[in-house]
């Protein structure tokens, strides 16, 4: 029988869970990236805040926290640390969507679909980013590289076009897309040539090896 939920602690919003082949789960706060290994019962117990005693690992690695302010404070510390170590950023990665049209058997992103669902980055986020760049609140190198990433970023081609429109304000920026390549068309390739977008295509080997791992989703094929 479960004990009463412990109101002193809560599950962090930044938790990633990955089920291992042996049935155990690797659980980590993606601000810290140090995993704690537990079985499904422990995971359910902690998610529902049923904590009989403060377990050293899950508390020290911020699987559970005493307040949302814990994570916010750590994010602030990360920002201060990197600001002290470097003056300007050379790379920016936009996670355009968590969705993908493939279901590769090795993909680590597929474990997060329940948490992120049909996430697509919004124009508000993009506008806010570039406004902060213009105002020097975000310091980028003059020739910084913008990376389009996912999921499969070509599922959000409209946002790629929207971001490329900022080239007029930042003519020296470079652009790269990481894609599985299945949605590339002549029009998209022409767009990338026109805007000098580098294309990085993920493949696993020859045709046989690649096709053995990479399957189309039935509802998106």
C-alpha atoms as a PDB file:
ATOM      1  CA  UNK A   1       0.000   0.000   0.000  1.00  0.00           C
ATOM      2  CA  UNK A   2       1.356   3.410  -0.958  1.00  0.00           C
ATOM      3  CA  UNK A   3       2.006   6.006   1.681  1.00  0.00           C
ATOM      4  CA  UNK A   4       0.559   9.481   1.411  1.00  0.00           C
ATOM      5  CA  UNK A   5       2.112  11.845  -1.117  1.00  0.00           C
ATOM      6  CA  UNK A   6       4.904  13.995   0.218  1.00  0.00           C
ATOM      7  CA  UNK A   7       4.026  17.664  -0.355  1.00  0.00           C
ATOM      8  CA  UNK A   8       7.615  18.764   0.300  1.00  0.00           C
ATOM      9  CA  UNK A   9       8.814  17.489  -3.075  1.00  0.00           C
ATOM     10  CA  UNK A  10       7.694  17.440  -6.699  1.00  0.00           C
ATOM     11  CA  UNK A  11       8.796  15.859  -9.958  1.00  0.00           C
ATOM     12  CA  UNK A  12      10.954  18.228 -11.998  1.00  0.00           C
ATOM     13  CA  UNK A  13       9.568  19.482 -15.329  1.00  0.00           C
ATOM     14  CA  UNK A  14      12.902  18.661 -16.984  1.00  0.00           C
ATOM     15  CA  UNK A  15      12.854  14.894 -16.531  1.00  0.00           C
ATOM     16  CA  UNK A  16      13.650  12.480 -19.365  1.00  0.00           C
ATOM     17  CA  UNK A  17      12.904   8.758 -18.972  1.00  0.00           C
ATOM     18  CA  UNK A  18      14.407   6.015 -21.118  1.00  0.00           C
ATOM     19  CA  UNK A  19      13.384   2.383 -20.826  1.00  0.00           C
ATOM     20  CA  UNK A  20      16.300  -0.037 -20.980  1.00  0.00           C
ATOM     21  CA  UNK A  21      16.309  -3.539 -22.460  1.00  0.00           C
ATOM     22  CA  UNK A  22      16.287  -5.100 -19.003  1.00  0.00           C
ATOM     23  CA  UNK A  23      13.038  -3.324 -18.083  1.00  0.00           C
ATOM     24  CA  UNK A  24      14.715  -0.771 -15.863  1.00  0.00           C
ATOM     25  CA  UNK A  25      14.457   2.963 -16.529  1.00  0.00           C
ATOM     26  CA  UNK A  26      17.206   5.550 -16.837  1.00  0.00           C
ATOM     27  CA  UNK A  27      15.767   8.762 -15.425  1.00  0.00           C
ATOM     28  CA  UNK A  28      17.533  12.096 -15.537  1.00  0.00           C
ATOM     29  CA  UNK A  29      16.997  15.805 -15.280  1.00  0.00           C
ATOM     30  CA  UNK A  30      18.166  17.173 -18.631  1.00  0.00           C
ATOM     31  CA  UNK A  31      19.695  20.159 -16.886  1.00  0.00           C
ATOM     32  CA  UNK A  32      22.121  17.807 -15.137  1.00  0.00           C
ATOM     33  CA  UNK A  33      22.209  14.732 -17.446  1.00  0.00           C
ATOM     34  CA  UNK A  34      23.264  12.347 -14.672  1.00  0.00           C
ATOM     35  CA  UNK A  35      20.905   9.327 -14.717  1.00  0.00           C
ATOM     36  CA  UNK A  36      19.336   7.430 -11.855  1.00  0.00           C
ATOM     37  CA  UNK A  37      18.288   3.847 -12.597  1.00  0.00           C
ATOM     38  CA  UNK A  38      15.008   2.524 -11.220  1.00  0.00           C
ATOM     39  CA  UNK A  39      12.237   0.044 -11.948  1.00  0.00           C
ATOM     40  CA  UNK A  40       8.754   0.969 -13.167  1.00  0.00           C
ATOM     41  CA  UNK A  41       7.197   0.847  -9.686  1.00  0.00           C
ATOM     42  CA  UNK A  42       9.714   3.323  -8.326  1.00  0.00           C
ATOM     43  CA  UNK A  43       9.204   5.584 -11.338  1.00  0.00           C
ATOM     44  CA  UNK A  44       5.419   5.629 -10.845  1.00  0.00           C
ATOM     45  CA  UNK A  45       5.848   6.214  -7.134  1.00  0.00           C
ATOM     46  CA  UNK A  46       8.151   9.180  -7.647  1.00  0.00           C
ATOM     47  CA  UNK A  47       6.055  10.708 -10.458  1.00  0.00           C
ATOM     48  CA  UNK A  48       3.053  10.636  -8.138  1.00  0.00           C
ATOM     49  CA  UNK A  49       5.145  12.127  -5.346  1.00  0.00           C
ATOM     50  CA  UNK A  50       4.889   9.108  -3.087  1.00  0.00           C
ATOM     51  CA  UNK A  51       8.210   9.366  -1.305  1.00  0.00           C
ATOM     52  CA  UNK A  52       8.623   7.533   1.982  1.00  0.00           C
ATOM     53  CA  UNK A  53      12.092   8.972   2.541  1.00  0.00           C
ATOM     54  CA  UNK A  54      14.246  11.459   0.682  1.00  0.00           C
ATOM     55  CA  UNK A  55      16.394   9.190  -1.460  1.00  0.00           C
ATOM     56  CA  UNK A  56      19.838  10.642  -1.895  1.00  0.00           C
ATOM     57  CA  UNK A  57      20.259  10.052  -5.644  1.00  0.00           C
ATOM     58  CA  UNK A  58      16.915  11.362  -6.846  1.00  0.00           C
ATOM     59  CA  UNK A  59      17.219  14.486  -4.713  1.00  0.00           C
ATOM     60  CA  UNK A  60      20.899  15.245  -5.398  1.00  0.00           C
ATOM     61  CA  UNK A  61      20.378  14.805  -9.147  1.00  0.00           C
ATOM     62  CA  UNK A  62      17.159  16.859  -9.111  1.00  0.00           C
ATOM     63  CA  UNK A  63      14.803  14.109 -10.206  1.00  0.00           C
ATOM     64  CA  UNK A  64      12.642  15.489  -7.419  1.00  0.00           C
ATOM     65  CA  UNK A  65      12.862  19.082  -6.249  1.00  0.00           C
ATOM     66  CA  UNK A  66      11.480  21.091  -3.379  1.00  0.00           C
ATOM     67  CA  UNK A  67      10.321  23.893  -5.688  1.00  0.00           C
ATOM     68  CA  UNK A  68      10.243  24.886  -9.357  1.00  0.00           C
ATOM     69  CA  UNK A  69      12.663  27.590  -8.265  1.00  0.00           C
ATOM     70  CA  UNK A  70      15.330  24.877  -7.903  1.00  0.00           C
ATOM     71  CA  UNK A  71      15.377  24.286 -11.648  1.00  0.00           C
ATOM     72  CA  UNK A  72      15.117  27.993 -12.446  1.00  0.00           C
ATOM     73  CA  UNK A  73      18.071  28.733 -10.188  1.00  0.00           C
ATOM     74  CA  UNK A  74      20.145  26.043 -11.875  1.00  0.00           C
ATOM     75  CA  UNK A  75      19.233  27.379 -15.325  1.00  0.00           C
ATOM     76  CA  UNK A  76      20.375  30.808 -14.141  1.00  0.00           C
ATOM     77  CA  UNK A  77      23.633  29.304 -12.879  1.00  0.00           C
ATOM     78  CA  UNK A  78      24.197  27.565 -16.229  1.00  0.00           C
ATOM     79  CA  UNK A  79      23.605  30.844 -18.049  1.00  0.00           C
ATOM     80  CA  UNK A  80      26.010  32.708 -15.745  1.00  0.00           C
ATOM     81  CA  UNK A  81      28.638  29.987 -16.138  1.00  0.00           C
ATOM     82  CA  UNK A  82      28.604  30.026 -19.926  1.00  0.00           C
ATOM     83  CA  UNK A  83      28.444  33.790 -20.050  1.00  0.00           C
ATOM     84  CA  UNK A  84      31.617  33.827 -17.978  1.00  0.00           C
ATOM     85  CA  UNK A  85      33.321  31.281 -20.227  1.00  0.00           C
ATOM     86  CA  UNK A  86      32.496  32.692 -23.622  1.00  0.00           C
ATOM     87  CA  UNK A  87      31.560  36.050 -25.026  1.00  0.00           C
ATOM     88  CA  UNK A  88      29.445  34.939 -27.958  1.00  0.00           C
ATOM     89  CA  UNK A  89      27.704  31.825 -29.188  1.00  0.00           C
ATOM     90  CA  UNK A  90      28.755  30.226 -32.475  1.00  0.00           C
ATOM     91  CA  UNK A  91      25.816  27.822 -32.851  1.00  0.00           C
ATOM     92  CA  UNK A  92      22.075  27.957 -32.188  1.00  0.00           C
ATOM     93  CA  UNK A  93      19.906  24.857 -32.559  1.00  0.00           C
ATOM     94  CA  UNK A  94      16.168  25.256 -33.163  1.00  0.00           C
ATOM     95  CA  UNK A  95      14.107  22.199 -32.199  1.00  0.00           C
ATOM     96  CA  UNK A  96      11.417  22.856 -34.814  1.00  0.00           C
ATOM     97  CA  UNK A  97       9.260  19.870 -33.874  1.00  0.00           C
ATOM     98  CA  UNK A  98       9.392  16.656 -31.884  1.00  0.00           C
ATOM     99  CA  UNK A  99       7.357  14.874 -34.576  1.00  0.00           C
ATOM    100  CA  UNK A 100       8.940  12.610 -37.173  1.00  0.00           C
ATOM    101  CA  UNK A 101       7.632  10.713 -40.183  1.00  0.00           C
ATOM    102  CA  UNK A 102       9.889   7.735 -39.398  1.00  0.00           C
ATOM    103  CA  UNK A 103      10.033   5.332 -36.472  1.00  0.00           C
ATOM    104  CA  UNK A 104      13.678   4.253 -36.444  1.00  0.00           C
ATOM    105  CA  UNK A 105      14.190   1.429 -33.957  1.00  0.00           C
ATOM    106  CA  UNK A 106      17.178   3.109 -32.282  1.00  0.00           C
ATOM    107  CA  UNK A 107      15.803   6.657 -32.005  1.00  0.00           C
ATOM    108  CA  UNK A 108      16.142   8.213 -28.539  1.00  0.00           C
ATOM    109  CA  UNK A 109      13.554  10.900 -29.323  1.00  0.00           C
ATOM    110  CA  UNK A 110      10.693   8.403 -29.570  1.00  0.00           C
ATOM    111  CA  UNK A 111      10.776   7.893 -25.789  1.00  0.00           C
ATOM    112  CA  UNK A 112       9.764  11.530 -25.293  1.00  0.00           C
ATOM    113  CA  UNK A 113       6.702  11.657 -27.565  1.00  0.00           C
ATOM    114  CA  UNK A 114       4.283  11.100 -24.677  1.00  0.00           C
ATOM    115  CA  UNK A 115       5.720  14.093 -22.858  1.00  0.00           C
ATOM    116  CA  UNK A 116       6.052  16.452 -25.832  1.00  0.00           C
ATOM    117  CA  UNK A 117       3.294  15.200 -28.164  1.00  0.00           C
ATOM    118  CA  UNK A 118       2.911  17.165 -31.378  1.00  0.00           C
ATOM    119  CA  UNK A 119       5.237  19.975 -30.305  1.00  0.00           C
ATOM    120  CA  UNK A 120       6.029  22.605 -32.923  1.00  0.00           C
ATOM    121  CA  UNK A 121       8.092  25.701 -32.230  1.00  0.00           C
ATOM    122  CA  UNK A 122       6.037  28.894 -32.480  1.00  0.00           C
ATOM    123  CA  UNK A 123       6.653  32.196 -34.246  1.00  0.00           C
ATOM    124  CA  UNK A 124       6.568  33.909 -30.852  1.00  0.00           C
ATOM    125  CA  UNK A 125       9.624  31.929 -29.758  1.00  0.00           C
ATOM    126  CA  UNK A 126      11.488  32.769 -32.969  1.00  0.00           C
ATOM    127  CA  UNK A 127      10.547  36.449 -32.791  1.00  0.00           C
ATOM    128  CA  UNK A 128      11.632  36.640 -29.164  1.00  0.00           C
ATOM    129  CA  UNK A 129      14.974  35.007 -29.978  1.00  0.00           C
ATOM    130  CA  UNK A 130      15.880  37.324 -32.834  1.00  0.00           C
ATOM    131  CA  UNK A 131      14.651  40.376 -30.921  1.00  0.00           C
ATOM    132  CA  UNK A 132      17.036  39.443 -28.106  1.00  0.00           C
ATOM    133  CA  UNK A 133      19.837  39.017 -30.637  1.00  0.00           C
ATOM    134  CA  UNK A 134      19.128  42.485 -32.048  1.00  0.00           C
ATOM    135  CA  UNK A 135      19.080  43.951 -28.537  1.00  0.00           C
ATOM    136  CA  UNK A 136      22.366  42.206 -27.695  1.00  0.00           C
ATOM    137  CA  UNK A 137      20.731  40.278 -24.867  1.00  0.00           C
ATOM    138  CA  UNK A 138      21.837  37.143 -26.704  1.00  0.00           C
ATOM    139  CA  UNK A 139      25.379  37.468 -27.995  1.00  0.00           C
ATOM    140  CA  UNK A 140      26.089  35.611 -31.226  1.00  0.00           C
ATOM    141  CA  UNK A 141      29.120  35.549 -33.440  1.00  0.00           C
ATOM    142  CA  UNK A 142      28.629  37.580 -36.611  1.00  0.00           C
ATOM    143  CA  UNK A 143      28.733  34.371 -38.697  1.00  0.00           C
ATOM    144  CA  UNK A 144      26.884  32.151 -36.221  1.00  0.00           C
ATOM    145  CA  UNK A 145      25.340  28.920 -37.503  1.00  0.00           C
ATOM    146  CA  UNK A 146      21.612  28.279 -37.107  1.00  0.00           C
ATOM    147  CA  UNK A 147      20.803  24.559 -37.029  1.00  0.00           C
ATOM    148  CA  UNK A 148      17.342  23.232 -37.899  1.00  0.00           C
ATOM    149  CA  UNK A 149      16.689  20.093 -35.864  1.00  0.00           C
ATOM    150  CA  UNK A 150      13.896  17.787 -34.723  1.00  0.00           C
ATOM    151  CA  UNK A 151      12.182  15.265 -34.794  1.00  0.00           C
ATOM    152  CA  UNK A 152      12.106  15.777 -38.523  1.00  0.00           C
ATOM    153  CA  UNK A 153      12.504  19.540 -39.098  1.00  0.00           C
ATOM    154  CA  UNK A 154      11.063  19.389 -42.628  1.00  0.00           C
ATOM    155  CA  UNK A 155       7.669  18.674 -41.054  1.00  0.00           C
ATOM    156  CA  UNK A 156       7.806  22.346 -40.067  1.00  0.00           C
ATOM    157  CA  UNK A 157       9.014  23.775 -43.385  1.00  0.00           C
ATOM    158  CA  UNK A 158       6.911  26.908 -42.844  1.00  0.00           C
ATOM    159  CA  UNK A 159       8.960  27.834 -39.793  1.00  0.00           C
ATOM    160  CA  UNK A 160      12.206  27.144 -41.662  1.00  0.00           C
ATOM    161  CA  UNK A 161      11.124  29.655 -44.305  1.00  0.00           C
ATOM    162  CA  UNK A 162      10.139  32.103 -41.566  1.00  0.00           C
ATOM    163  CA  UNK A 163      13.562  31.868 -39.926  1.00  0.00           C
ATOM    164  CA  UNK A 164      15.361  32.221 -43.253  1.00  0.00           C
ATOM    165  CA  UNK A 165      13.592  35.563 -43.738  1.00  0.00           C
ATOM    166  CA  UNK A 166      15.748  36.927 -40.912  1.00  0.00           C
ATOM    167  CA  UNK A 167      18.772  36.637 -43.218  1.00  0.00           C
ATOM    168  CA  UNK A 168      18.142  40.242 -44.279  1.00  0.00           C
ATOM    169  CA  UNK A 169      18.907  41.329 -40.708  1.00  0.00           C
ATOM    170  CA  UNK A 170      21.788  38.878 -40.240  1.00  0.00           C
ATOM    171  CA  UNK A 171      23.346  38.358 -43.694  1.00  0.00           C
ATOM    172  CA  UNK A 172      26.418  36.569 -42.342  1.00  0.00           C
ATOM    173  CA  UNK A 173      24.497  33.871 -40.479  1.00  0.00           C
ATOM    174  CA  UNK A 174      24.950  30.331 -41.787  1.00  0.00           C
ATOM    175  CA  UNK A 175      22.259  27.659 -41.797  1.00  0.00           C
ATOM    176  CA  UNK A 176      22.332  23.870 -41.509  1.00  0.00           C
ATOM    177  CA  UNK A 177      19.537  21.317 -41.389  1.00  0.00           C
ATOM    178  CA  UNK A 178      19.772  17.813 -39.898  1.00  0.00           C
ATOM    179  CA  UNK A 179      17.167  15.689 -41.703  1.00  0.00           C
ATOM    180  CA  UNK A 180      16.355  12.104 -42.588  1.00  0.00           C
ATOM    181  CA  UNK A 181      16.058  13.333 -46.185  1.00  0.00           C
ATOM    182  CA  UNK A 182      12.761  11.612 -47.003  1.00  0.00           C
ATOM    183  CA  UNK A 183      10.808  14.875 -47.348  1.00  0.00           C
ATOM    184  CA  UNK A 184      13.306  16.713 -49.538  1.00  0.00           C
ATOM    185  CA  UNK A 185      11.728  17.937 -52.771  1.00  0.00           C
ATOM    186  CA  UNK A 186      13.025  19.990 -55.685  1.00  0.00           C
ATOM    187  CA  UNK A 187      11.331  23.105 -54.314  1.00  0.00           C
ATOM    188  CA  UNK A 188      12.880  22.623 -50.885  1.00  0.00           C
ATOM    189  CA  UNK A 189      16.313  21.926 -52.366  1.00  0.00           C
ATOM    190  CA  UNK A 190      16.002  25.090 -54.480  1.00  0.00           C
ATOM    191  CA  UNK A 191      15.081  27.021 -51.331  1.00  0.00           C
ATOM    192  CA  UNK A 192      18.148  25.681 -49.533  1.00  0.00           C
ATOM    193  CA  UNK A 193      20.443  26.425 -52.472  1.00  0.00           C
ATOM    194  CA  UNK A 194      19.108  29.981 -52.675  1.00  0.00           C
ATOM    195  CA  UNK A 195      19.705  30.510 -48.951  1.00  0.00           C
ATOM    196  CA  UNK A 196      22.940  28.479 -48.777  1.00  0.00           C
ATOM    197  CA  UNK A 197      21.531  26.013 -46.264  1.00  0.00           C
ATOM    198  CA  UNK A 198      23.875  23.083 -45.636  1.00  0.00           C
ATOM    199  CA  UNK A 199      22.087  19.725 -45.589  1.00  0.00           C
ATOM    200  CA  UNK A 200      23.154  16.949 -43.202  1.00  0.00           C
ATOM    201  CA  UNK A 201      21.302  13.707 -43.987  1.00  0.00           C
ATOM    202  CA  UNK A 202      21.215  10.930 -41.405  1.00  0.00           C
ATOM    203  CA  UNK A 203      21.804   7.465 -42.836  1.00  0.00           C
ATOM    204  CA  UNK A 204      22.868   4.199 -41.219  1.00  0.00           C
ATOM    205  CA  UNK A 205      24.883   2.585 -43.995  1.00  0.00           C
ATOM    206  CA  UNK A 206      24.009   1.022 -47.321  1.00  0.00           C
ATOM    207  CA  UNK A 207      20.399   0.620 -48.544  1.00  0.00           C
ATOM    208  CA  UNK A 208      19.860  -2.722 -46.780  1.00  0.00           C
ATOM    209  CA  UNK A 209      21.154  -1.562 -43.401  1.00  0.00           C
ATOM    210  CA  UNK A 210      19.372   1.781 -43.577  1.00  0.00           C
ATOM    211  CA  UNK A 211      16.018   0.266 -44.555  1.00  0.00           C
ATOM    212  CA  UNK A 212      16.232  -2.366 -41.828  1.00  0.00           C
ATOM    213  CA  UNK A 213      16.220   0.324 -39.129  1.00  0.00           C
ATOM    214  CA  UNK A 214      14.244   3.181 -40.674  1.00  0.00           C
ATOM    215  CA  UNK A 215      10.515   2.540 -41.134  1.00  0.00           C
ATOM    216  CA  UNK A 216       7.825   5.009 -42.154  1.00  0.00           C
ATOM    217  CA  UNK A 217       4.996   5.664 -39.736  1.00  0.00           C
ATOM    218  CA  UNK A 218       1.770   4.321 -41.203  1.00  0.00           C
ATOM    219  CA  UNK A 219      -0.118   7.589 -40.674  1.00  0.00           C
ATOM    220  CA  UNK A 220       2.615   9.728 -42.246  1.00  0.00           C
ATOM    221  CA  UNK A 221       4.009   7.581 -45.078  1.00  0.00           C
END
